[in-house]
Amino acid sequence: MTDSENRIVEDSRIKYWIAVHIPLNEIEKELADAGFTEDEIAASIRTYKKIKNAGKHSIGITCVIIGAVMGFLSCLLAILNPVPAMFHVFLYGITPVAILVLFVGLYLLFE
């Protein structure tokens, strides 16, 4: 490996960019002004996007799991019908909420 391949932006700097919400074009300009090559800038931008989306992925996975468990439980409770007065709550109340949480999680996961 050459010195240019070893030259990358530190994670602390990338986390600062994420916290301050700096646009990509300003990040590219800052790296170009610092003397980074096009390949180094592209690698830094890929790392920036990966770190930025990692939080969304973990929230998405959590929402998918919660939505799936809620949907399973509402379906199970509607089929078993342990409290007949609550049948409509299980079937028409909890199931749509579970589907909504599930799809929000899928959106965050695949965005």
PDB file of N, CA and C in Angstrom:
ATOM      1  N   MET A   1       0.833  -1.188   0.000  1.00  0.00           N
ATOM      2  CA  MET A   1       0.000   0.000   0.000  1.00  0.00           C
ATOM      3  C   MET A   1       0.873   1.245   0.000  1.00  0.00           C
ATOM      4  N   THR A   2       0.433   2.208  -0.745  1.00  0.00           N
ATOM      5  CA  THR A   2       1.176   3.462  -0.777  1.00  0.00           C
ATOM      6  C   THR A   2       0.641   4.393   0.299  1.00  0.00           C
ATOM      7  N   ASP A   3       1.320   5.510   0.468  1.00  0.00           N
ATOM      8  CA  ASP A   3       0.893   6.478   1.471  1.00  0.00           C
ATOM      9  C   ASP A   3      -0.465   7.071   1.139  1.00  0.00           C
ATOM     10  N   SER A   4      -0.768   7.239  -0.155  1.00  0.00           N
ATOM     11  CA  SER A   4      -2.053   7.827  -0.528  1.00  0.00           C
ATOM     12  C   SER A   4      -3.203   6.885  -0.218  1.00  0.00           C
ATOM     13  N   GLU A   5      -2.975   5.568  -0.260  1.00  0.00           N
ATOM     14  CA  GLU A   5      -4.026   4.615   0.074  1.00  0.00           C
ATOM     15  C   GLU A   5      -4.266   4.572   1.584  1.00  0.00           C
ATOM     16  N   ASN A   6      -3.265   4.909   2.352  1.00  0.00           N
ATOM     17  CA  ASN A   6      -3.399   4.906   3.798  1.00  0.00           C
ATOM     18  C   ASN A   6      -4.026   6.195   4.323  1.00  0.00           C
ATOM     19  N   ARG A   7      -4.108   7.207   3.498  1.00  0.00           N
ATOM     20  CA  ARG A   7      -4.600   8.510   3.933  1.00  0.00           C
ATOM     21  C   ARG A   7      -6.131   8.530   3.888  1.00  0.00           C
ATOM     22  N   ILE A   8      -6.744   8.492   5.039  1.00  0.00           N
ATOM     23  CA  ILE A   8      -8.194   8.540   5.137  1.00  0.00           C
ATOM     24  C   ILE A   8      -8.577   9.557   6.209  1.00  0.00           C
ATOM     25  N   VAL A   9      -9.841   9.909   6.221  1.00  0.00           N
ATOM     26  CA  VAL A   9     -10.359  10.848   7.208  1.00  0.00           C
ATOM     27  C   VAL A   9     -10.696  10.063   8.473  1.00  0.00           C
ATOM     28  N   GLU A  10     -10.396  10.634   9.631  1.00  0.00           N
ATOM     29  CA  GLU A  10     -10.673   9.961  10.897  1.00  0.00           C
ATOM     30  C   GLU A  10     -12.177   9.874  11.130  1.00  0.00           C
ATOM     31  N   ASP A  11     -12.583   8.843  11.886  1.00  0.00           N
ATOM     32  CA  ASP A  11     -13.991   8.660  12.209  1.00  0.00           C
ATOM     33  C   ASP A  11     -14.544   9.813  13.027  1.00  0.00           C
ATOM     34  N   SER A  12     -13.700  10.404  13.870  1.00  0.00           N
ATOM     35  CA  SER A  12     -14.177  11.524  14.685  1.00  0.00           C
ATOM     36  C   SER A  12     -14.574  12.710  13.803  1.00  0.00           C
ATOM     37  N   ARG A  13     -13.820  12.931  12.744  1.00  0.00           N
ATOM     38  CA  ARG A  13     -14.153  14.018  11.814  1.00  0.00           C
ATOM     39  C   ARG A  13     -15.457  13.721  11.074  1.00  0.00           C
ATOM     40  N   ILE A  14     -15.647  12.467  10.675  1.00  0.00           N
ATOM     41  CA  ILE A  14     -16.873  12.077   9.979  1.00  0.00           C
ATOM     42  C   ILE A  14     -18.070  12.218  10.911  1.00  0.00           C
ATOM     43  N   LYS A  15     -17.913  11.810  12.177  1.00  0.00           N
ATOM     44  CA  LYS A  15     -19.008  11.941  13.136  1.00  0.00           C
ATOM     45  C   LYS A  15     -19.341  13.411  13.395  1.00  0.00           C
ATOM     46  N   TYR A  16     -18.325  14.284  13.341  1.00  0.00           N
ATOM     47  CA  TYR A  16     -18.569  15.715  13.469  1.00  0.00           C
ATOM     48  C   TYR A  16     -19.414  16.212  12.295  1.00  0.00           C
ATOM     49  N   TRP A  17     -19.081  15.771  11.077  1.00  0.00           N
ATOM     50  CA  TRP A  17     -19.848  16.175   9.900  1.00  0.00           C
ATOM     51  C   TRP A  17     -21.298  15.730  10.020  1.00  0.00           C
ATOM     52  N   ILE A  18     -21.507  14.529  10.537  1.00  0.00           N
ATOM     53  CA  ILE A  18     -22.869  14.015  10.690  1.00  0.00           C
ATOM     54  C   ILE A  18     -23.627  14.823  11.742  1.00  0.00           C
ATOM     55  N   ALA A  19     -22.955  15.140  12.852  1.00  0.00           N
ATOM     56  CA  ALA A  19     -23.613  15.884  13.930  1.00  0.00           C
ATOM     57  C   ALA A  19     -23.992  17.298  13.503  1.00  0.00           C
ATOM     58  N   VAL A  20     -23.159  17.912  12.677  1.00  0.00           N
ATOM     59  CA  VAL A  20     -23.397  19.290  12.248  1.00  0.00           C
ATOM     60  C   VAL A  20     -24.275  19.344  10.993  1.00  0.00           C
ATOM     61  N   HIS A  21     -24.518  18.199  10.337  1.00  0.00           N
ATOM     62  CA  HIS A  21     -25.328  18.110   9.119  1.00  0.00           C
ATOM     63  C   HIS A  21     -24.722  18.904   7.965  1.00  0.00           C
ATOM     64  N   ILE A  22     -23.457  18.673   7.714  1.00  0.00           N
ATOM     65  CA  ILE A  22     -22.773  19.352   6.614  1.00  0.00           C
ATOM     66  C   ILE A  22     -23.127  18.641   5.306  1.00  0.00           C
ATOM     67  N   PRO A  23     -23.515  19.379   4.260  1.00  0.00           N
ATOM     68  CA  PRO A  23     -23.845  18.755   2.978  1.00  0.00           C
ATOM     69  C   PRO A  23     -22.619  18.113   2.321  1.00  0.00           C
ATOM     70  N   LEU A  24     -22.881  17.157   1.435  1.00  0.00           N
ATOM     71  CA  LEU A  24     -21.796  16.426   0.777  1.00  0.00           C
ATOM     72  C   LEU A  24     -20.891  17.328  -0.052  1.00  0.00           C
ATOM     73  N   ASN A  25     -21.477  18.319  -0.741  1.00  0.00           N
ATOM     74  CA  ASN A  25     -20.636  19.178  -1.583  1.00  0.00           C
ATOM     75  C   ASN A  25     -19.646  19.982  -0.747  1.00  0.00           C
ATOM     76  N   GLU A  26     -20.038  20.380   0.464  1.00  0.00           N
ATOM     77  CA  GLU A  26     -19.106  21.105   1.337  1.00  0.00           C
ATOM     78  C   GLU A  26     -18.025  20.173   1.883  1.00  0.00           C
ATOM     79  N   ILE A  27     -18.387  18.927   2.140  1.00  0.00           N
ATOM     80  CA  ILE A  27     -17.393  17.951   2.598  1.00  0.00           C
ATOM     81  C   ILE A  27     -16.371  17.699   1.505  1.00  0.00           C
ATOM     82  N   GLU A  28     -16.852  17.524   0.278  1.00  0.00           N
ATOM     83  CA  GLU A  28     -15.943  17.314  -0.853  1.00  0.00           C
ATOM     84  C   GLU A  28     -15.017  18.511  -1.029  1.00  0.00           C
ATOM     85  N   LYS A  29     -15.573  19.709  -0.917  1.00  0.00           N
ATOM     86  CA  LYS A  29     -14.752  20.917  -1.062  1.00  0.00           C
ATOM     87  C   LYS A  29     -13.701  20.997   0.045  1.00  0.00           C
ATOM     88  N   GLU A  30     -14.106  20.675   1.287  1.00  0.00           N
ATOM     89  CA  GLU A  30     -13.171  20.715   2.409  1.00  0.00           C
ATOM     90  C   GLU A  30     -12.032  19.710   2.214  1.00  0.00           C
ATOM     91  N   LEU A  31     -12.368  18.520   1.727  1.00  0.00           N
ATOM     92  CA  LEU A  31     -11.333  17.506   1.502  1.00  0.00           C
ATOM     93  C   LEU A  31     -10.424  17.892   0.343  1.00  0.00           C
ATOM     94  N   ALA A  32     -11.005  18.491  -0.703  1.00  0.00           N
ATOM     95  CA  ALA A  32     -10.188  18.928  -1.834  1.00  0.00           C
ATOM     96  C   ALA A  32      -9.241  20.050  -1.408  1.00  0.00           C
ATOM     97  N   ASP A  33      -9.730  20.961  -0.571  1.00  0.00           N
ATOM     98  CA  ASP A  33      -8.876  22.038  -0.069  1.00  0.00           C
ATOM     99  C   ASP A  33      -7.760  21.508   0.829  1.00  0.00           C
ATOM    100  N   ALA A  34      -8.022  20.373   1.499  1.00  0.00           N
ATOM    101  CA  ALA A  34      -7.009  19.777   2.381  1.00  0.00           C
ATOM    102  C   ALA A  34      -5.973  18.970   1.600  1.00  0.00           C
ATOM    103  N   GLY A  35      -6.164  18.811   0.295  1.00  0.00           N
ATOM    104  CA  GLY A  35      -5.171  18.138  -0.525  1.00  0.00           C
ATOM    105  C   GLY A  35      -5.437  16.671  -0.789  1.00  0.00           C
ATOM    106  N   PHE A  36      -6.650  16.208  -0.534  1.00  0.00           N
ATOM    107  CA  PHE A  36      -6.991  14.819  -0.817  1.00  0.00           C
ATOM    108  C   PHE A  36      -7.198  14.628  -2.317  1.00  0.00           C
ATOM    109  N   THR A  37      -6.869  13.439  -2.816  1.00  0.00           N
ATOM    110  CA  THR A  37      -7.099  13.120  -4.230  1.00  0.00           C
ATOM    111  C   THR A  37      -8.555  12.722  -4.415  1.00  0.00           C
ATOM    112  N   GLU A  38      -8.954  12.578  -5.681  1.00  0.00           N
ATOM    113  CA  GLU A  38     -10.336  12.200  -5.991  1.00  0.00           C
ATOM    114  C   GLU A  38     -10.689  10.829  -5.408  1.00  0.00           C
ATOM    115  N   ASP A  39      -9.767   9.885  -5.481  1.00  0.00           N
ATOM    116  CA  ASP A  39     -10.016   8.548  -4.933  1.00  0.00           C
ATOM    117  C   ASP A  39     -10.166   8.594  -3.420  1.00  0.00           C
ATOM    118  N   GLU A  40      -9.346   9.391  -2.767  1.00  0.00           N
ATOM    119  CA  GLU A  40      -9.429   9.523  -1.313  1.00  0.00           C
ATOM    120  C   GLU A  40     -10.733  10.202  -0.902  1.00  0.00           C
ATOM    121  N   ILE A  41     -11.152  11.197  -1.679  1.00  0.00           N
ATOM    122  CA  ILE A  41     -12.416  11.880  -1.397  1.00  0.00           C
ATOM    123  C   ILE A  41     -13.576  10.902  -1.567  1.00  0.00           C
ATOM    124  N   ALA A  42     -13.556  10.102  -2.626  1.00  0.00           N
ATOM    125  CA  ALA A  42     -14.622   9.129  -2.858  1.00  0.00           C
ATOM    126  C   ALA A  42     -14.680   8.091  -1.739  1.00  0.00           C
ATOM    127  N   ALA A  43     -13.527   7.634  -1.283  1.00  0.00           N
ATOM    128  CA  ALA A  43     -13.486   6.664  -0.185  1.00  0.00           C
ATOM    129  C   ALA A  43     -14.007   7.290   1.107  1.00  0.00           C
ATOM    130  N   SER A  44     -13.660   8.539   1.340  1.00  0.00           N
ATOM    131  CA  SER A  44     -14.135   9.228   2.544  1.00  0.00           C
ATOM    132  C   SER A  44     -15.650   9.438   2.496  1.00  0.00           C
ATOM    133  N   ILE A  45     -16.178   9.758   1.324  1.00  0.00           N
ATOM    134  CA  ILE A  45     -17.621   9.952   1.172  1.00  0.00           C
ATOM    135  C   ILE A  45     -18.355   8.628   1.392  1.00  0.00           C
ATOM    136  N   ARG A  46     -17.800   7.529   0.876  1.00  0.00           N
ATOM    137  CA  ARG A  46     -18.409   6.213   1.114  1.00  0.00           C
ATOM    138  C   ARG A  46     -18.433   5.883   2.605  1.00  0.00           C
ATOM    139  N   THR A  47     -17.347   6.168   3.297  1.00  0.00           N
ATOM    140  CA  THR A  47     -17.290   5.928   4.741  1.00  0.00           C
ATOM    141  C   THR A  47     -18.294   6.813   5.469  1.00  0.00           C
ATOM    142  N   TYR A  48     -18.405   8.068   5.050  1.00  0.00           N
ATOM    143  CA  TYR A  48     -19.369   9.006   5.630  1.00  0.00           C
ATOM    144  C   TYR A  48     -20.793   8.469   5.490  1.00  0.00           C
ATOM    145  N   LYS A  49     -21.164   8.015   4.294  1.00  0.00           N
ATOM    146  CA  LYS A  49     -22.507   7.496   4.061  1.00  0.00           C
ATOM    147  C   LYS A  49     -22.758   6.223   4.858  1.00  0.00           C
ATOM    148  N   LYS A  50     -21.738   5.376   4.978  1.00  0.00           N
ATOM    149  CA  LYS A  50     -21.886   4.129   5.725  1.00  0.00           C
ATOM    150  C   LYS A  50     -22.136   4.410   7.205  1.00  0.00           C
ATOM    151  N   ILE A  51     -21.381   5.330   7.779  1.00  0.00           N
ATOM    152  CA  ILE A  51     -21.555   5.666   9.197  1.00  0.00           C
ATOM    153  C   ILE A  51     -22.888   6.371   9.419  1.00  0.00           C
ATOM    154  N   LYS A  52     -23.275   7.244   8.483  1.00  0.00           N
ATOM    155  CA  LYS A  52     -24.529   7.985   8.621  1.00  0.00           C
ATOM    156  C   LYS A  52     -25.732   7.040   8.565  1.00  0.00           C
ATOM    157  N   ASN A  53     -25.690   6.037   7.702  1.00  0.00           N
ATOM    158  CA  ASN A  53     -26.824   5.129   7.549  1.00  0.00           C
ATOM    159  C   ASN A  53     -26.840   4.014   8.577  1.00  0.00           C
ATOM    160  N   ALA A  54     -25.771   3.819   9.323  1.00  0.00           N
ATOM    161  CA  ALA A  54     -25.719   2.743  10.313  1.00  0.00           C
ATOM    162  C   ALA A  54     -26.782   2.948  11.394  1.00  0.00           C
ATOM    163  N   GLY A  55     -26.999   4.174  11.805  1.00  0.00           N
ATOM    164  CA  GLY A  55     -28.025   4.455  12.809  1.00  0.00           C
ATOM    165  C   GLY A  55     -29.418   4.145  12.313  1.00  0.00           C
ATOM    166  N   LYS A  56     -29.706   4.486  11.061  1.00  0.00           N
ATOM    167  CA  LYS A  56     -31.008   4.199  10.482  1.00  0.00           C
ATOM    168  C   LYS A  56     -31.240   2.694  10.381  1.00  0.00           C
ATOM    169  N   HIS A  57     -30.194   1.952  10.063  1.00  0.00           N
ATOM    170  CA  HIS A  57     -30.332   0.505   9.914  1.00  0.00           C
ATOM    171  C   HIS A  57     -30.668  -0.154  11.250  1.00  0.00           C
ATOM    172  N   SER A  58     -30.031   0.279  12.310  1.00  0.00           N
ATOM    173  CA  SER A  58     -30.313  -0.332  13.610  1.00  0.00           C
ATOM    174  C   SER A  58     -31.726   0.015  14.083  1.00  0.00           C
ATOM    175  N   ILE A  59     -32.178   1.240  13.847  1.00  0.00           N
ATOM    176  CA  ILE A  59     -33.545   1.615  14.197  1.00  0.00           C
ATOM    177  C   ILE A  59     -34.532   0.836  13.333  1.00  0.00           C
ATOM    178  N   GLY A  60     -34.211   0.661  12.055  1.00  0.00           N
ATOM    179  CA  GLY A  60     -35.077  -0.097  11.146  1.00  0.00           C
ATOM    180  C   GLY A  60     -35.223  -1.549  11.561  1.00  0.00           C
ATOM    181  N   ILE A  61     -34.127  -2.179  11.939  1.00  0.00           N
ATOM    182  CA  ILE A  61     -34.189  -3.573  12.388  1.00  0.00           C
ATOM    183  C   ILE A  61     -35.040  -3.690  13.648  1.00  0.00           C
ATOM    184  N   THR A  62     -34.874  -2.748  14.566  1.00  0.00           N
ATOM    185  CA  THR A  62     -35.666  -2.756  15.793  1.00  0.00           C
ATOM    186  C   THR A  62     -37.153  -2.604  15.487  1.00  0.00           C
ATOM    187  N   CYS A  63     -37.508  -1.696  14.588  1.00  0.00           N
ATOM    188  CA  CYS A  63     -38.919  -1.495  14.228  1.00  0.00           C
ATOM    189  C   CYS A  63     -39.497  -2.725  13.539  1.00  0.00           C
ATOM    190  N   VAL A  64     -38.726  -3.370  12.683  1.00  0.00           N
ATOM    191  CA  VAL A  64     -39.197  -4.587  12.009  1.00  0.00           C
ATOM    192  C   VAL A  64     -39.478  -5.678  13.033  1.00  0.00           C
ATOM    193  N   ILE A  65     -38.589  -5.853  13.983  1.00  0.00           N
ATOM    194  CA  ILE A  65     -38.782  -6.888  15.009  1.00  0.00           C
ATOM    195  C   ILE A  65     -40.005  -6.576  15.863  1.00  0.00           C
ATOM    196  N   ILE A  66     -40.145  -5.327  16.305  1.00  0.00           N
ATOM    197  CA  ILE A  66     -41.292  -4.945  17.129  1.00  0.00           C
ATOM    198  C   ILE A  66     -42.600  -5.110  16.356  1.00  0.00           C
ATOM    199  N   GLY A  67     -42.614  -4.677  15.097  1.00  0.00           N
ATOM    200  CA  GLY A  67     -43.822  -4.814  14.281  1.00  0.00           C
ATOM    201  C   GLY A  67     -44.195  -6.267  14.039  1.00  0.00           C
ATOM    202  N   ALA A  68     -43.202  -7.121  13.806  1.00  0.00           N
ATOM    203  CA  ALA A  68     -43.479  -8.539  13.577  1.00  0.00           C
ATOM    204  C   ALA A  68     -44.030  -9.196  14.833  1.00  0.00           C
ATOM    205  N   VAL A  69     -43.449  -8.894  15.974  1.00  0.00           N
ATOM    206  CA  VAL A  69     -43.931  -9.480  17.235  1.00  0.00           C
ATOM    207  C   VAL A  69     -45.340  -8.976  17.546  1.00  0.00           C
ATOM    208  N   MET A  70     -45.579  -7.684  17.373  1.00  0.00           N
ATOM    209  CA  MET A  70     -46.925  -7.136  17.613  1.00  0.00           C
ATOM    210  C   MET A  70     -47.949  -7.774  16.681  1.00  0.00           C
ATOM    211  N   GLY A  71     -47.606  -7.934  15.418  1.00  0.00           N
ATOM    212  CA  GLY A  71     -48.516  -8.553  14.458  1.00  0.00           C
ATOM    213  C   GLY A  71     -48.807  -9.999  14.800  1.00  0.00           C
ATOM    214  N   PHE A  72     -47.773 -10.728  15.186  1.00  0.00           N
ATOM    215  CA  PHE A  72     -47.973 -12.123  15.571  1.00  0.00           C
ATOM    216  C   PHE A  72     -48.873 -12.221  16.798  1.00  0.00           C
ATOM    217  N   LEU A  73     -48.602 -11.397  17.805  1.00  0.00           N
ATOM    218  CA  LEU A  73     -49.415 -11.450  19.022  1.00  0.00           C
ATOM    219  C   LEU A  73     -50.865 -11.038  18.763  1.00  0.00           C
ATOM    220  N   SER A  74     -51.072 -10.013  17.951  1.00  0.00           N
ATOM    221  CA  SER A  74     -52.448  -9.596  17.671  1.00  0.00           C
ATOM    222  C   SER A  74     -53.190 -10.668  16.885  1.00  0.00           C
ATOM    223  N   CYS A  75     -52.510 -11.310  15.963  1.00  0.00           N
ATOM    224  CA  CYS A  75     -53.130 -12.402  15.203  1.00  0.00           C
ATOM    225  C   CYS A  75     -53.451 -13.574  16.124  1.00  0.00           C
ATOM    226  N   LEU A  76     -52.513 -13.935  16.967  1.00  0.00           N
ATOM    227  CA  LEU A  76     -52.709 -15.034  17.897  1.00  0.00           C
ATOM    228  C   LEU A  76     -53.853 -14.755  18.867  1.00  0.00           C
ATOM    229  N   LEU A  77     -53.902 -13.534  19.411  1.00  0.00           N
ATOM    230  CA  LEU A  77     -54.969 -13.173  20.337  1.00  0.00           C
ATOM    231  C   LEU A  77     -56.329 -13.098  19.643  1.00  0.00           C
ATOM    232  N   ALA A  78     -56.358 -12.693  18.379  1.00  0.00           N
ATOM    233  CA  ALA A  78     -57.622 -12.659  17.643  1.00  0.00           C
ATOM    234  C   ALA A  78     -58.113 -14.073  17.336  1.00  0.00           C
ATOM    235  N   ILE A  79     -57.191 -14.992  17.064  1.00  0.00           N
ATOM    236  CA  ILE A  79     -57.588 -16.374  16.773  1.00  0.00           C
ATOM    237  C   ILE A  79     -58.027 -17.092  18.048  1.00  0.00           C
ATOM    238  N   LEU A  80     -57.240 -16.943  19.115  1.00  0.00           N
ATOM    239  CA  LEU A  80     -57.563 -17.624  20.371  1.00  0.00           C
ATOM    240  C   LEU A  80     -58.764 -16.999  21.069  1.00  0.00           C
ATOM    241  N   ASN A  81     -58.945 -15.707  20.901  1.00  0.00           N
ATOM    242  CA  ASN A  81     -60.064 -14.959  21.453  1.00  0.00           C
ATOM    243  C   ASN A  81     -60.228 -15.202  22.959  1.00  0.00           C
ATOM    244  N   PRO A  82     -59.187 -14.883  23.769  1.00  0.00           N
ATOM    245  CA  PRO A  82     -59.286 -15.140  25.210  1.00  0.00           C
ATOM    246  C   PRO A  82     -60.292 -14.230  25.911  1.00  0.00           C
ATOM    247  N   VAL A  83     -60.452 -13.025  25.411  1.00  0.00           N
ATOM    248  CA  VAL A  83     -61.433 -12.085  25.970  1.00  0.00           C
ATOM    249  C   VAL A  83     -62.332 -11.660  24.808  1.00  0.00           C
ATOM    250  N   PRO A  84     -63.520 -12.249  24.694  1.00  0.00           N
ATOM    251  CA  PRO A  84     -64.365 -11.963  23.528  1.00  0.00           C
ATOM    252  C   PRO A  84     -64.672 -10.473  23.317  1.00  0.00           C
ATOM    253  N   ALA A  85     -64.721  -9.705  24.376  1.00  0.00           N
ATOM    254  CA  ALA A  85     -65.019  -8.274  24.229  1.00  0.00           C
ATOM    255  C   ALA A  85     -63.854  -7.513  23.594  1.00  0.00           C
ATOM    256  N   MET A  86     -62.661  -8.101  23.612  1.00  0.00           N
ATOM    257  CA  MET A  86     -61.469  -7.437  23.072  1.00  0.00           C
ATOM    258  C   MET A  86     -61.105  -7.903  21.661  1.00  0.00           C
ATOM    259  N   PHE A  87     -61.952  -8.732  21.045  1.00  0.00           N
ATOM    260  CA  PHE A  87     -61.644  -9.280  19.729  1.00  0.00           C
ATOM    261  C   PHE A  87     -61.368  -8.179  18.707  1.00  0.00           C
ATOM    262  N   HIS A  88     -62.223  -7.178  18.666  1.00  0.00           N
ATOM    263  CA  HIS A  88     -62.061  -6.096  17.679  1.00  0.00           C
ATOM    264  C   HIS A  88     -60.818  -5.253  17.956  1.00  0.00           C
ATOM    265  N   VAL A  89     -60.454  -5.123  19.214  1.00  0.00           N
ATOM    266  CA  VAL A  89     -59.237  -4.376  19.550  1.00  0.00           C
ATOM    267  C   VAL A  89     -58.011  -5.129  19.039  1.00  0.00           C
ATOM    268  N   PHE A  90     -57.991  -6.443  19.261  1.00  0.00           N
ATOM    269  CA  PHE A  90     -56.856  -7.247  18.792  1.00  0.00           C
ATOM    270  C   PHE A  90     -56.768  -7.244  17.270  1.00  0.00           C
ATOM    271  N   LEU A  91     -57.918  -7.453  16.623  1.00  0.00           N
ATOM    272  CA  LEU A  91     -57.911  -7.612  15.168  1.00  0.00           C
ATOM    273  C   LEU A  91     -57.800  -6.283  14.432  1.00  0.00           C
ATOM    274  N   TYR A  92     -58.553  -5.281  14.849  1.00  0.00           N
ATOM    275  CA  TYR A  92     -58.603  -4.026  14.107  1.00  0.00           C
ATOM    276  C   TYR A  92     -57.822  -2.884  14.752  1.00  0.00           C
ATOM    277  N   GLY A  93     -57.339  -3.069  15.953  1.00  0.00           N
ATOM    278  CA  GLY A  93     -56.594  -2.017  16.628  1.00  0.00           C
ATOM    279  C   GLY A  93     -55.097  -2.246  16.615  1.00  0.00           C
ATOM    280  N   ILE A  94     -54.683  -3.423  17.041  1.00  0.00           N
ATOM    281  CA  ILE A  94     -53.248  -3.688  17.169  1.00  0.00           C
ATOM    282  C   ILE A  94     -52.623  -4.071  15.829  1.00  0.00           C
ATOM    283  N   THR A  95     -53.353  -4.817  14.990  1.00  0.00           N
ATOM    284  CA  THR A  95     -52.796  -5.277  13.715  1.00  0.00           C
ATOM    285  C   THR A  95     -52.388  -4.118  12.801  1.00  0.00           C
ATOM    286  N   PRO A  96     -53.215  -3.098  12.587  1.00  0.00           N
ATOM    287  CA  PRO A  96     -52.762  -1.983  11.734  1.00  0.00           C
ATOM    288  C   PRO A  96     -51.553  -1.240  12.299  1.00  0.00           C
ATOM    289  N   VAL A  97     -51.503  -1.110  13.620  1.00  0.00           N
ATOM    290  CA  VAL A  97     -50.344  -0.456  14.235  1.00  0.00           C
ATOM    291  C   VAL A  97     -49.095  -1.299  13.996  1.00  0.00           C
ATOM    292  N   ALA A  98     -49.227  -2.615  14.128  1.00  0.00           N
ATOM    293  CA  ALA A  98     -48.095  -3.517  13.885  1.00  0.00           C
ATOM    294  C   ALA A  98     -47.623  -3.415  12.442  1.00  0.00           C
ATOM    295  N   ILE A  99     -48.556  -3.360  11.514  1.00  0.00           N
ATOM    296  CA  ILE A  99     -48.193  -3.247  10.091  1.00  0.00           C
ATOM    297  C   ILE A  99     -47.499  -1.916   9.829  1.00  0.00           C
ATOM    298  N   LEU A 100     -47.996  -0.855  10.436  1.00  0.00           N
ATOM    299  CA  LEU A 100     -47.382   0.466  10.267  1.00  0.00           C
ATOM    300  C   LEU A 100     -45.948   0.471  10.801  1.00  0.00           C
ATOM    301  N   VAL A 101     -45.739  -0.059  11.999  1.00  0.00           N
ATOM    302  CA  VAL A 101     -44.397  -0.108  12.588  1.00  0.00           C
ATOM    303  C   VAL A 101     -43.472  -0.973  11.721  1.00  0.00           C
ATOM    304  N   LEU A 102     -43.996  -2.081  11.223  1.00  0.00           N
ATOM    305  CA  LEU A 102     -43.213  -2.967  10.371  1.00  0.00           C
ATOM    306  C   LEU A 102     -42.765  -2.264   9.092  1.00  0.00           C
ATOM    307  N   PHE A 103     -43.671  -1.549   8.446  1.00  0.00           N
ATOM    308  CA  PHE A 103     -43.309  -0.879   7.197  1.00  0.00           C
ATOM    309  C   PHE A 103     -42.397   0.323   7.417  1.00  0.00           C
ATOM    310  N   VAL A 104     -42.531   1.003   8.544  1.00  0.00           N
ATOM    311  CA  VAL A 104     -41.594   2.077   8.857  1.00  0.00           C
ATOM    312  C   VAL A 104     -40.194   1.488   9.036  1.00  0.00           C
ATOM    313  N   GLY A 105     -40.107   0.359   9.719  1.00  0.00           N
ATOM    314  CA  GLY A 105     -38.824  -0.322   9.882  1.00  0.00           C
ATOM    315  C   GLY A 105     -38.238  -0.768   8.565  1.00  0.00           C
ATOM    316  N   LEU A 106     -39.075  -1.299   7.677  1.00  0.00           N
ATOM    317  CA  LEU A 106     -38.571  -1.710   6.358  1.00  0.00           C
ATOM    318  C   LEU A 106     -38.092  -0.514   5.548  1.00  0.00           C
ATOM    319  N   TYR A 107     -38.804   0.604   5.660  1.00  0.00           N
ATOM    320  CA  TYR A 107     -38.374   1.814   4.956  1.00  0.00           C
ATOM    321  C   TYR A 107     -37.000   2.265   5.443  1.00  0.00           C
ATOM    322  N   LEU A 108     -36.832   2.293   6.771  1.00  0.00           N
ATOM    323  CA  LEU A 108     -35.534   2.715   7.320  1.00  0.00           C
ATOM    324  C   LEU A 108     -34.430   1.727   6.989  1.00  0.00           C
ATOM    325  N   LEU A 109     -34.779   0.469   6.914  1.00  0.00           N
ATOM    326  CA  LEU A 109     -33.786  -0.559   6.637  1.00  0.00           C
ATOM    327  C   LEU A 109     -33.305  -0.512   5.197  1.00  0.00           C
ATOM    328  N   PHE A 110     -34.219  -0.305   4.265  1.00  0.00           N
ATOM    329  CA  PHE A 110     -33.861  -0.361   2.845  1.00  0.00           C
ATOM    330  C   PHE A 110     -33.621   0.993   2.204  1.00  0.00           C
ATOM    331  N   GLU A 111     -33.728   2.061   2.965  1.00  0.00           N
ATOM    332  CA  GLU A 111     -33.475   3.396   2.400  1.00  0.00           C
ATOM    333  C   GLU A 111     -32.013   3.586   2.124  1.00  0.00           C
TER     334      GLU A 111
END
